[in-house]
C-alpha atoms as a PDB file:
ATOM      1  CA  MET A   1      95.672  95.611 122.788  1.00  0.00           C
ATOM      2  CA  GLU A   2      93.675  92.331 122.392  1.00  0.00           C
ATOM      3  CA  LEU A   3      90.534  94.391 121.663  1.00  0.00           C
ATOM      4  CA  PHE A   4      92.492  95.970 119.180  1.00  0.00           C
ATOM      5  CA  SER A   5      93.973  92.770 117.534  1.00  0.00           C
ATOM      6  CA  ILE A   6      90.376  91.372 117.324  1.00  0.00           C
ATOM      7  CA  ARG A   7      88.947  94.361 115.908  1.00  0.00           C
ATOM      8  CA  ILE A   8      91.678  93.972 113.021  1.00  0.00           C
ATOM      9  CA  ARG A   9      90.775  90.414 112.723  1.00  0.00           C
ATOM     10  CA  ARG A  10      87.076  91.354 112.441  1.00  0.00           C
ATOM     11  CA  THR A  11      87.565  94.404 109.957  1.00  0.00           C
ATOM     12  CA  PHE A  12      89.450  92.093 107.920  1.00  0.00           C
ATOM     13  CA  GLN A  13      87.129  89.266 107.790  1.00  0.00           C
ATOM     14  CA  LEU A  14      84.065  91.807 106.847  1.00  0.00           C
ATOM     15  CA  VAL A  15      86.405  93.108 104.118  1.00  0.00           C
ATOM     16  CA  SER A  16      87.499  89.515 102.582  1.00  0.00           C
ATOM     17  CA  THR A  17      83.619  88.297 102.839  1.00  0.00           C
ATOM     18  CA  SER A  18      82.607  91.852 101.253  1.00  0.00           C
ATOM     19  CA  PHE A  19      85.149  91.317  98.166  1.00  0.00           C
ATOM     20  CA  LEU A  20      84.208  87.981  97.696  1.00  0.00           C
ATOM     21  CA  GLU A  21      80.699  88.269  97.709  1.00  0.00           C
ATOM     22  CA  THR A  22      80.689  90.991  95.066  1.00  0.00           C
ATOM     23  CA  GLY A  23      81.883  88.492  92.395  1.00  0.00           C
ATOM     24  CA  VAL A  24      84.653  90.701  91.108  1.00  0.00           C
ATOM     25  CA  ASP A  25      86.954  89.008  88.616  1.00  0.00           C
ATOM     26  CA  LEU A  26      90.211  88.185  90.189  1.00  0.00           C
ATOM     27  CA  GLU A  27      92.000  87.784  86.618  1.00  0.00           C
ATOM     28  CA  SER A  28      94.362  90.439  85.815  1.00  0.00           C
ATOM     29  CA  LYS A  29      93.094  92.067  82.376  1.00  0.00           C
ATOM     30  CA  ILE A  30      96.031  93.955  80.437  1.00  0.00           C
ATOM     31  CA  ASP A  31      94.534  96.348  78.413  1.00  0.00           C
ATOM     32  CA  ASP A  32      97.203  98.467  75.756  1.00  0.00           C
ATOM     33  CA  ASN A  33      94.990 101.493  75.988  1.00  0.00           C
ATOM     34  CA  ILE A  34      95.710 102.700  79.621  1.00  0.00           C
ATOM     35  CA  ILE A  35      96.986 106.184  80.279  1.00  0.00           C
ATOM     36  CA  TYR A  36      98.466 107.002  83.107  1.00  0.00           C
ATOM     37  CA  TYR A  37      99.209 110.208  84.683  1.00  0.00           C
ATOM     38  CA  LEU A  38     102.141 110.925  86.806  1.00  0.00           C
ATOM     39  CA  ASP A  39     101.881 113.752  89.255  1.00  0.00           C
ATOM     40  CA  THR A  40     104.965 115.826  90.044  1.00  0.00           C
ATOM     41  CA  GLN A  41     105.454 114.150  93.560  1.00  0.00           C
ATOM     42  CA  ILE A  42     105.814 110.506  91.746  1.00  0.00           C
ATOM     43  CA  VAL A  43     108.258 112.206  89.159  1.00  0.00           C
ATOM     44  CA  LEU A  44     110.303 114.032  91.486  1.00  0.00           C
ATOM     45  CA  GLU A  45     110.345 110.687  93.584  1.00  0.00           C
ATOM     46  CA  ALA A  46     111.256 108.725  90.734  1.00  0.00           C
ATOM     47  CA  LEU A  47     114.465 111.077  89.698  1.00  0.00           C
ATOM     48  CA  ASP A  48     115.214 110.814  93.465  1.00  0.00           C
ATOM     49  CA  LEU A  49     114.806 114.081  94.290  1.00  0.00           C
ATOM     50  CA  GLN A  50     112.841 113.749  97.268  1.00  0.00           C
ATOM     51  CA  LYS A  51     113.178 111.566 100.239  1.00  0.00           C
ATOM     52  CA  ALA A  52     115.524 108.808  99.562  1.00  0.00           C
ATOM     53  CA  GLU A  53     113.162 106.192 101.186  1.00  0.00           C
ATOM     54  CA  ASP A  54     110.515 106.851  98.611  1.00  0.00           C
ATOM     55  CA  THR A  55     112.811 106.330  95.427  1.00  0.00           C
ATOM     56  CA  LEU A  56     112.912 102.666  95.311  1.00  0.00           C
ATOM     57  CA  PRO A  57     109.308 101.915  95.735  1.00  0.00           C
ATOM     58  CA  THR A  58     108.316 104.748  93.233  1.00  0.00           C
ATOM     59  CA  GLN A  59     110.439 103.066  90.873  1.00  0.00           C
ATOM     60  CA  GLU A  60     108.984  99.791  91.558  1.00  0.00           C
ATOM     61  CA  LEU A  61     105.543 101.358  90.784  1.00  0.00           C
ATOM     62  CA  LEU A  62     106.734 102.842  87.332  1.00  0.00           C
ATOM     63  CA  LYS A  63     108.094  99.341  86.448  1.00  0.00           C
ATOM     64  CA  LEU A  64     105.083  97.869  87.335  1.00  0.00           C
ATOM     65  CA  ILE A  65     103.084 100.135  84.999  1.00  0.00           C
ATOM     66  CA  SER A  66     105.017 100.209  82.115  1.00  0.00           C
ATOM     67  CA  PHE A  67     104.537  96.556  81.448  1.00  0.00           C
END
């Protein structure tokens, strides 16, 4: 179990370092020309026609992308 924990920390460190070295702009950019395509699964989850535990996260996702 300890080896697994060490591996997870090391992976996180590598990913974090790679992300910071790429020089990615961390400022969020709002663009009015974004089009989102929703697949059937997302629509069914948002309408609460699938598993109950998926409804709330899907609705929150839709709120995030609707500005």
